[in-house]
Each structure stands twice: as C-alpha cells, then as structure tokens.
Amino acid sequence: MSIRGDIIEYMYAGDSDPFSHCLKQTDDDTSPDGVVSATQGTHLIIDYDGDASDKDVYINTDGSTAWTQIHDETA
C-alpha cells in the first residue's frame, strides 16, 4: 500500500475523504478530550467567540472520545 493509503487507513479508519467529518466547537474553548464523541479521524476546531485567538485543532484518535491536539494557536 502507498504511504497515502497507510495514513488514510490508520489515521482516518479507511475514510478516503479525511475532511468529510469535521466539527466546530463554539460554546467554550476547552479540550474535547473525554467529552465529545466522534468517529476516528474526525477533525474538530475550536472557534469560541469569547477568545478570538483560540483556533486549536484536534483529531479523534479512537472513534469515541479520545482527541489529540494537532494545532495549538498559542504556540
């Protein structure tokens, strides 16, 4: 399998369109880890009006409530 195919298989549970599952969290700027449920490979961006600089991005890693931050707006 190609490198692209491997990444799609392991990061996105075989979903060939990784951006088909995206969420936006607007109600607060806290991590979705342990709270928000989604399919593996779902991206979530925090777009909280209370903090204009907070555009952190997470990816779901287990098809449940485990999220890993992949972009830190403050970094």
PDB file of N, CA and C in Angstrom:
ATOM      1  N   MET A   1       0.848  -1.177   0.000  1.00  0.00           N
ATOM      2  CA  MET A   1       0.000   0.000   0.000  1.00  0.00           C
ATOM      3  C   MET A   1       0.893   1.240   0.000  1.00  0.00           C
ATOM      4  N   SER A   2       0.388   2.317  -0.544  1.00  0.00           N
ATOM      5  CA  SER A   2       1.128   3.570  -0.600  1.00  0.00           C
ATOM      6  C   SER A   2       1.172   4.243   0.774  1.00  0.00           C
ATOM      7  N   ILE A   3       2.058   5.187   0.918  1.00  0.00           N
ATOM      8  CA  ILE A   3       2.133   5.962   2.163  1.00  0.00           C
ATOM      9  C   ILE A   3       0.800   6.667   2.405  1.00  0.00           C
ATOM     10  N   ARG A   4       0.247   7.251   1.363  1.00  0.00           N
ATOM     11  CA  ARG A   4      -1.058   7.931   1.483  1.00  0.00           C
ATOM     12  C   ARG A   4      -2.129   6.947   1.950  1.00  0.00           C
ATOM     13  N   GLY A   5      -2.140   5.776   1.357  1.00  0.00           N
ATOM     14  CA  GLY A   5      -3.107   4.750   1.732  1.00  0.00           C
ATOM     15  C   GLY A   5      -2.945   4.305   3.174  1.00  0.00           C
ATOM     16  N   ASP A   6      -1.693   4.174   3.612  1.00  0.00           N
ATOM     17  CA  ASP A   6      -1.431   3.799   5.006  1.00  0.00           C
ATOM     18  C   ASP A   6      -1.949   4.856   5.975  1.00  0.00           C
ATOM     19  N   ILE A   7      -1.699   6.114   5.658  1.00  0.00           N
ATOM     20  CA  ILE A   7      -2.165   7.194   6.536  1.00  0.00           C
ATOM     21  C   ILE A   7      -3.686   7.218   6.588  1.00  0.00           C
ATOM     22  N   ILE A   8      -4.322   7.084   5.440  1.00  0.00           N
ATOM     23  CA  ILE A   8      -5.791   7.054   5.409  1.00  0.00           C
ATOM     24  C   ILE A   8      -6.317   5.892   6.236  1.00  0.00           C
ATOM     25  N   GLU A   9      -5.692   4.741   6.113  1.00  0.00           N
ATOM     26  CA  GLU A   9      -6.141   3.553   6.846  1.00  0.00           C
ATOM     27  C   GLU A   9      -5.993   3.723   8.361  1.00  0.00           C
ATOM     28  N   TYR A  10      -4.841   4.203   8.805  1.00  0.00           N
ATOM     29  CA  TYR A  10      -4.568   4.234  10.243  1.00  0.00           C
ATOM     30  C   TYR A  10      -5.027   5.511  10.951  1.00  0.00           C
ATOM     31  N   MET A  11      -5.005   6.633  10.255  1.00  0.00           N
ATOM     32  CA  MET A  11      -5.430   7.886  10.881  1.00  0.00           C
ATOM     33  C   MET A  11      -6.929   8.129  10.738  1.00  0.00           C
ATOM     34  N   TYR A  12      -7.488   7.702   9.611  1.00  0.00           N
ATOM     35  CA  TYR A  12      -8.873   8.041   9.301  1.00  0.00           C
ATOM     36  C   TYR A  12      -9.777   6.818   9.175  1.00  0.00           C
ATOM     37  N   ALA A  13      -9.353   5.692   9.730  1.00  0.00           N
ATOM     38  CA  ALA A  13     -10.139   4.447   9.735  1.00  0.00           C
ATOM     39  C   ALA A  13     -10.622   4.076   8.335  1.00  0.00           C
ATOM     40  N   GLY A  14      -9.783   4.326   7.327  1.00  0.00           N
ATOM     41  CA  GLY A  14     -10.107   3.944   5.959  1.00  0.00           C
ATOM     42  C   GLY A  14     -10.974   4.922   5.202  1.00  0.00           C
ATOM     43  N   ASP A  15     -11.375   6.026   5.811  1.00  0.00           N
ATOM     44  CA  ASP A  15     -12.206   7.031   5.141  1.00  0.00           C
ATOM     45  C   ASP A  15     -11.326   7.812   4.166  1.00  0.00           C
ATOM     46  N   SER A  16     -11.584   7.662   2.874  1.00  0.00           N
ATOM     47  CA  SER A  16     -10.724   8.282   1.864  1.00  0.00           C
ATOM     48  C   SER A  16     -10.901   9.795   1.753  1.00  0.00           C
ATOM     49  N   ASP A  17     -11.897  10.346   2.419  1.00  0.00           N
ATOM     50  CA  ASP A  17     -12.082  11.797   2.456  1.00  0.00           C
ATOM     51  C   ASP A  17     -11.947  12.265   3.897  1.00  0.00           C
ATOM     52  N   PRO A  18     -10.716  12.543   4.349  1.00  0.00           N
ATOM     53  CA  PRO A  18     -10.484  12.858   5.758  1.00  0.00           C
ATOM     54  C   PRO A  18     -11.231  14.082   6.270  1.00  0.00           C
ATOM     55  N   PHE A  19     -11.694  14.933   5.378  1.00  0.00           N
ATOM     56  CA  PHE A  19     -12.402  16.124   5.836  1.00  0.00           C
ATOM     57  C   PHE A  19     -13.923  15.974   5.728  1.00  0.00           C
ATOM     58  N   SER A  20     -14.375  14.743   5.550  1.00  0.00           N
ATOM     59  CA  SER A  20     -15.813  14.512   5.482  1.00  0.00           C
ATOM     60  C   SER A  20     -16.456  14.566   6.869  1.00  0.00           C
ATOM     61  N   HIS A  21     -15.650  14.451   7.903  1.00  0.00           N
ATOM     62  CA  HIS A  21     -16.142  14.503   9.280  1.00  0.00           C
ATOM     63  C   HIS A  21     -15.396  15.608  10.022  1.00  0.00           C
ATOM     64  N   CYS A  22     -15.988  16.778  10.082  1.00  0.00           N
ATOM     65  CA  CYS A  22     -15.375  17.909  10.778  1.00  0.00           C
ATOM     66  C   CYS A  22     -16.404  18.536  11.710  1.00  0.00           C
ATOM     67  N   LEU A  23     -15.925  18.974  12.859  1.00  0.00           N
ATOM     68  CA  LEU A  23     -16.791  19.612  13.846  1.00  0.00           C
ATOM     69  C   LEU A  23     -16.219  20.968  14.220  1.00  0.00           C
ATOM     70  N   LYS A  24     -17.103  21.869  14.631  1.00  0.00           N
ATOM     71  CA  LYS A  24     -16.684  23.164  15.150  1.00  0.00           C
ATOM     72  C   LYS A  24     -17.285  23.314  16.536  1.00  0.00           C
ATOM     73  N   GLN A  25     -16.439  23.621  17.493  1.00  0.00           N
ATOM     74  CA  GLN A  25     -16.890  23.833  18.877  1.00  0.00           C
ATOM     75  C   GLN A  25     -16.916  25.328  19.145  1.00  0.00           C
ATOM     76  N   THR A  26     -18.110  25.857  19.434  1.00  0.00           N
ATOM     77  CA  THR A  26     -18.250  27.297  19.610  1.00  0.00           C
ATOM     78  C   THR A  26     -18.695  27.694  21.020  1.00  0.00           C
ATOM     79  N   ASP A  27     -19.062  26.713  21.850  1.00  0.00           N
ATOM     80  CA  ASP A  27     -19.634  27.052  23.154  1.00  0.00           C
ATOM     81  C   ASP A  27     -18.596  27.310  24.239  1.00  0.00           C
ATOM     82  N   ASP A  28     -17.380  26.811  24.082  1.00  0.00           N
ATOM     83  CA  ASP A  28     -16.297  27.105  25.023  1.00  0.00           C
ATOM     84  C   ASP A  28     -14.970  26.768  24.364  1.00  0.00           C
ATOM     85  N   ASP A  29     -13.871  27.073  25.057  1.00  0.00           N
ATOM     86  CA  ASP A  29     -12.551  26.840  24.472  1.00  0.00           C
ATOM     87  C   ASP A  29     -11.781  25.720  25.177  1.00  0.00           C
ATOM     88  N   THR A  30     -12.498  24.762  25.766  1.00  0.00           N
ATOM     89  CA  THR A  30     -11.837  23.656  26.445  1.00  0.00           C
ATOM     90  C   THR A  30     -11.658  22.475  25.497  1.00  0.00           C
ATOM     91  N   SER A  31     -10.701  21.641  25.811  1.00  0.00           N
ATOM     92  CA  SER A  31     -10.402  20.459  25.015  1.00  0.00           C
ATOM     93  C   SER A  31     -11.626  19.534  24.920  1.00  0.00           C
ATOM     94  N   PRO A  32     -11.836  18.927  23.749  1.00  0.00           N
ATOM     95  CA  PRO A  32     -12.932  17.970  23.607  1.00  0.00           C
ATOM     96  C   PRO A  32     -12.580  16.587  24.177  1.00  0.00           C
ATOM     97  N   ASP A  33     -11.326  16.390  24.574  1.00  0.00           N
ATOM     98  CA  ASP A  33     -10.859  15.080  25.024  1.00  0.00           C
ATOM     99  C   ASP A  33     -11.677  14.569  26.205  1.00  0.00           C
ATOM    100  N   GLY A  34     -12.232  13.381  26.035  1.00  0.00           N
ATOM    101  CA  GLY A  34     -13.028  12.766  27.078  1.00  0.00           C
ATOM    102  C   GLY A  34     -14.463  13.245  27.146  1.00  0.00           C
ATOM    103  N   VAL A  35     -14.835  14.197  26.282  1.00  0.00           N
ATOM    104  CA  VAL A  35     -16.167  14.801  26.344  1.00  0.00           C
ATOM    105  C   VAL A  35     -16.952  14.618  25.044  1.00  0.00           C
ATOM    106  N   VAL A  36     -16.335  14.936  23.925  1.00  0.00           N
ATOM    107  CA  VAL A  36     -17.016  14.910  22.630  1.00  0.00           C
ATOM    108  C   VAL A  36     -16.761  13.566  21.949  1.00  0.00           C
ATOM    109  N   SER A  37     -17.829  12.925  21.503  1.00  0.00           N
ATOM    110  CA  SER A  37     -17.727  11.644  20.817  1.00  0.00           C
ATOM    111  C   SER A  37     -17.799  11.852  19.310  1.00  0.00           C
ATOM    112  N   ALA A  38     -16.952  11.127  18.562  1.00  0.00           N
ATOM    113  CA  ALA A  38     -16.952  11.229  17.100  1.00  0.00           C
ATOM    114  C   ALA A  38     -16.257  10.007  16.515  1.00  0.00           C
ATOM    115  N   THR A  39     -16.368   9.861  15.197  1.00  0.00           N
ATOM    116  CA  THR A  39     -15.685   8.763  14.534  1.00  0.00           C
ATOM    117  C   THR A  39     -14.186   9.051  14.460  1.00  0.00           C
ATOM    118  N   GLN A  40     -13.392   7.980  14.372  1.00  0.00           N
ATOM    119  CA  GLN A  40     -11.944   8.140  14.273  1.00  0.00           C
ATOM    120  C   GLN A  40     -11.594   8.977  13.047  1.00  0.00           C
ATOM    121  N   GLY A  41     -10.673   9.914  13.220  1.00  0.00           N
ATOM    122  CA  GLY A  41     -10.240  10.769  12.125  1.00  0.00           C
ATOM    123  C   GLY A  41     -11.008  12.065  12.004  1.00  0.00           C
ATOM    124  N   THR A  42     -12.055  12.241  12.801  1.00  0.00           N
ATOM    125  CA  THR A  42     -12.813  13.491  12.773  1.00  0.00           C
ATOM    126  C   THR A  42     -11.933  14.634  13.259  1.00  0.00           C
ATOM    127  N   HIS A  43     -11.975  15.747  12.545  1.00  0.00           N
ATOM    128  CA  HIS A  43     -11.265  16.954  12.964  1.00  0.00           C
ATOM    129  C   HIS A  43     -12.242  17.853  13.707  1.00  0.00           C
ATOM    130  N   LEU A  44     -11.750  18.536  14.730  1.00  0.00           N
ATOM    131  CA  LEU A  44     -12.563  19.499  15.486  1.00  0.00           C
ATOM    132  C   LEU A  44     -11.751  20.767  15.652  1.00  0.00           C
ATOM    133  N   ILE A  45     -12.351  21.899  15.294  1.00  0.00           N
ATOM    134  CA  ILE A  45     -11.709  23.194  15.511  1.00  0.00           C
ATOM    135  C   ILE A  45     -12.497  23.952  16.561  1.00  0.00           C
ATOM    136  N   ILE A  46     -11.768  24.578  17.446  1.00  0.00           N
ATOM    137  CA  ILE A  46     -12.411  25.414  18.456  1.00  0.00           C
ATOM    138  C   ILE A  46     -12.504  26.828  17.897  1.00  0.00           C
ATOM    139  N   ASP A  47     -13.705  27.344  17.845  1.00  0.00           N
ATOM    140  CA  ASP A  47     -13.964  28.690  17.341  1.00  0.00           C
ATOM    141  C   ASP A  47     -14.865  29.386  18.347  1.00  0.00           C
ATOM    142  N   TYR A  48     -14.279  29.711  19.476  1.00  0.00           N
ATOM    143  CA  TYR A  48     -15.022  30.272  20.606  1.00  0.00           C
ATOM    144  C   TYR A  48     -14.979  31.784  20.542  1.00  0.00           C
ATOM    145  N   ASP A  49     -16.148  32.427  20.490  1.00  0.00           N
ATOM    146  CA  ASP A  49     -16.232  33.881  20.397  1.00  0.00           C
ATOM    147  C   ASP A  49     -15.616  34.595  21.592  1.00  0.00           C
ATOM    148  N   GLY A  50     -15.576  33.941  22.743  1.00  0.00           N
ATOM    149  CA  GLY A  50     -15.025  34.562  23.940  1.00  0.00           C
ATOM    150  C   GLY A  50     -13.520  34.711  23.912  1.00  0.00           C
ATOM    151  N   ASP A  51     -12.846  34.059  22.954  1.00  0.00           N
ATOM    152  CA  ASP A  51     -11.394  34.117  22.852  1.00  0.00           C
ATOM    153  C   ASP A  51     -11.034  34.064  21.377  1.00  0.00           C
ATOM    154  N   ALA A  52     -10.913  35.215  20.756  1.00  0.00           N
ATOM    155  CA  ALA A  52     -10.702  35.286  19.310  1.00  0.00           C
ATOM    156  C   ALA A  52      -9.419  34.607  18.852  1.00  0.00           C
ATOM    157  N   SER A  53      -8.451  34.429  19.755  1.00  0.00           N
ATOM    158  CA  SER A  53      -7.186  33.819  19.351  1.00  0.00           C
ATOM    159  C   SER A  53      -7.207  32.297  19.445  1.00  0.00           C
ATOM    160  N   ASP A  54      -8.274  31.725  19.939  1.00  0.00           N
ATOM    161  CA  ASP A  54      -8.307  30.284  20.170  1.00  0.00           C
ATOM    162  C   ASP A  54      -8.884  29.538  18.968  1.00  0.00           C
ATOM    163  N   LYS A  55      -8.023  29.060  18.111  1.00  0.00           N
ATOM    164  CA  LYS A  55      -8.400  28.276  16.932  1.00  0.00           C
ATOM    165  C   LYS A  55      -7.654  26.943  16.969  1.00  0.00           C
ATOM    166  N   ASP A  56      -7.657  26.279  18.118  1.00  0.00           N
ATOM    167  CA  ASP A  56      -6.981  24.999  18.255  1.00  0.00           C
ATOM    168  C   ASP A  56      -7.701  23.941  17.427  1.00  0.00           C
ATOM    169  N   VAL A  57      -6.939  22.973  16.915  1.00  0.00           N
ATOM    170  CA  VAL A  57      -7.495  21.895  16.105  1.00  0.00           C
ATOM    171  C   VAL A  57      -7.119  20.559  16.738  1.00  0.00           C
ATOM    172  N   TYR A  58      -8.096  19.651  16.781  1.00  0.00           N
ATOM    173  CA  TYR A  58      -7.923  18.316  17.358  1.00  0.00           C
ATOM    174  C   TYR A  58      -8.330  17.265  16.336  1.00  0.00           C
ATOM    175  N   ILE A  59      -7.840  16.032  16.523  1.00  0.00           N
ATOM    176  CA  ILE A  59      -8.267  14.892  15.722  1.00  0.00           C
ATOM    177  C   ILE A  59      -8.684  13.770  16.667  1.00  0.00           C
ATOM    178  N   ASN A  60      -9.782  13.108  16.330  1.00  0.00           N
ATOM    179  CA  ASN A  60     -10.251  11.994  17.152  1.00  0.00           C
ATOM    180  C   ASN A  60      -9.414  10.769  16.826  1.00  0.00           C
ATOM    181  N   THR A  61      -8.899  10.104  17.849  1.00  0.00           N
ATOM    182  CA  THR A  61      -7.962   9.001  17.643  1.00  0.00           C
ATOM    183  C   THR A  61      -8.509   7.622  17.954  1.00  0.00           C
ATOM    184  N   ASP A  62      -9.747   7.524  18.460  1.00  0.00           N
ATOM    185  CA  ASP A  62     -10.227   6.190  18.824  1.00  0.00           C
ATOM    186  C   ASP A  62     -11.665   5.883  18.408  1.00  0.00           C
ATOM    187  N   GLY A  63     -12.324   6.791  17.712  1.00  0.00           N
ATOM    188  CA  GLY A  63     -13.714   6.549  17.339  1.00  0.00           C
ATOM    189  C   GLY A  63     -14.657   6.686  18.514  1.00  0.00           C
ATOM    190  N   SER A  64     -14.214   7.367  19.542  1.00  0.00           N
ATOM    191  CA  SER A  64     -15.038   7.604  20.723  1.00  0.00           C
ATOM    192  C   SER A  64     -14.751   9.007  21.235  1.00  0.00           C
ATOM    193  N   THR A  65     -14.155   9.130  22.423  1.00  0.00           N
ATOM    194  CA  THR A  65     -13.942  10.464  22.995  1.00  0.00           C
ATOM    195  C   THR A  65     -12.472  10.831  23.195  1.00  0.00           C
ATOM    196  N   ALA A  66     -11.550  10.105  22.562  1.00  0.00           N
ATOM    197  CA  ALA A  66     -10.119  10.445  22.686  1.00  0.00           C
ATOM    198  C   ALA A  66      -9.720  11.396  21.555  1.00  0.00           C
ATOM    199  N   TRP A  67      -9.174  12.550  21.944  1.00  0.00           N
ATOM    200  CA  TRP A  67      -8.765  13.580  20.987  1.00  0.00           C
ATOM    201  C   TRP A  67      -7.315  13.961  21.226  1.00  0.00           C
ATOM    202  N   THR A  68      -6.602  14.250  20.142  1.00  0.00           N
ATOM    203  CA  THR A  68      -5.229  14.722  20.213  1.00  0.00           C
ATOM    204  C   THR A  68      -5.160  16.082  19.528  1.00  0.00           C
ATOM    205  N   GLN A  69      -4.552  17.037  20.214  1.00  0.00           N
ATOM    206  CA  GLN A  69      -4.410  18.376  19.621  1.00  0.00           C
ATOM    207  C   GLN A  69      -3.340  18.324  18.541  1.00  0.00           C
ATOM    208  N   ILE A  70      -3.674  18.803  17.345  1.00  0.00           N
ATOM    209  CA  ILE A  70      -2.710  18.814  16.237  1.00  0.00           C
ATOM    210  C   ILE A  70      -2.318  20.232  15.810  1.00  0.00           C
ATOM    211  N   HIS A  71      -2.991  21.229  16.375  1.00  0.00           N
ATOM    212  CA  HIS A  71      -2.606  22.629  16.132  1.00  0.00           C
ATOM    213  C   HIS A  71      -2.935  23.438  17.374  1.00  0.00           C
ATOM    214  N   ASP A  72      -1.948  24.146  17.873  1.00  0.00           N
ATOM    215  CA  ASP A  72      -2.119  24.996  19.050  1.00  0.00           C
ATOM    216  C   ASP A  72      -1.945  26.434  18.613  1.00  0.00           C
ATOM    217  N   GLU A  73      -3.027  27.183  18.624  1.00  0.00           N
ATOM    218  CA  GLU A  73      -2.990  28.569  18.162  1.00  0.00           C
ATOM    219  C   GLU A  73      -2.008  29.421  18.959  1.00  0.00           C
ATOM    220  N   THR A  74      -1.788  29.094  20.213  1.00  0.00           N
ATOM    221  CA  THR A  74      -0.895  29.907  21.035  1.00  0.00           C
ATOM    222  C   THR A  74       0.573  29.547  20.881  1.00  0.00           C
ATOM    223  N   ALA A  75       0.865  28.480  20.177  1.00  0.00           N
ATOM    224  CA  ALA A  75       2.276  28.030  20.022  1.00  0.00           C
ATOM    225  C   ALA A  75       2.991  28.840  18.975  1.00  0.00           C
TER     226      ALA A  75
END
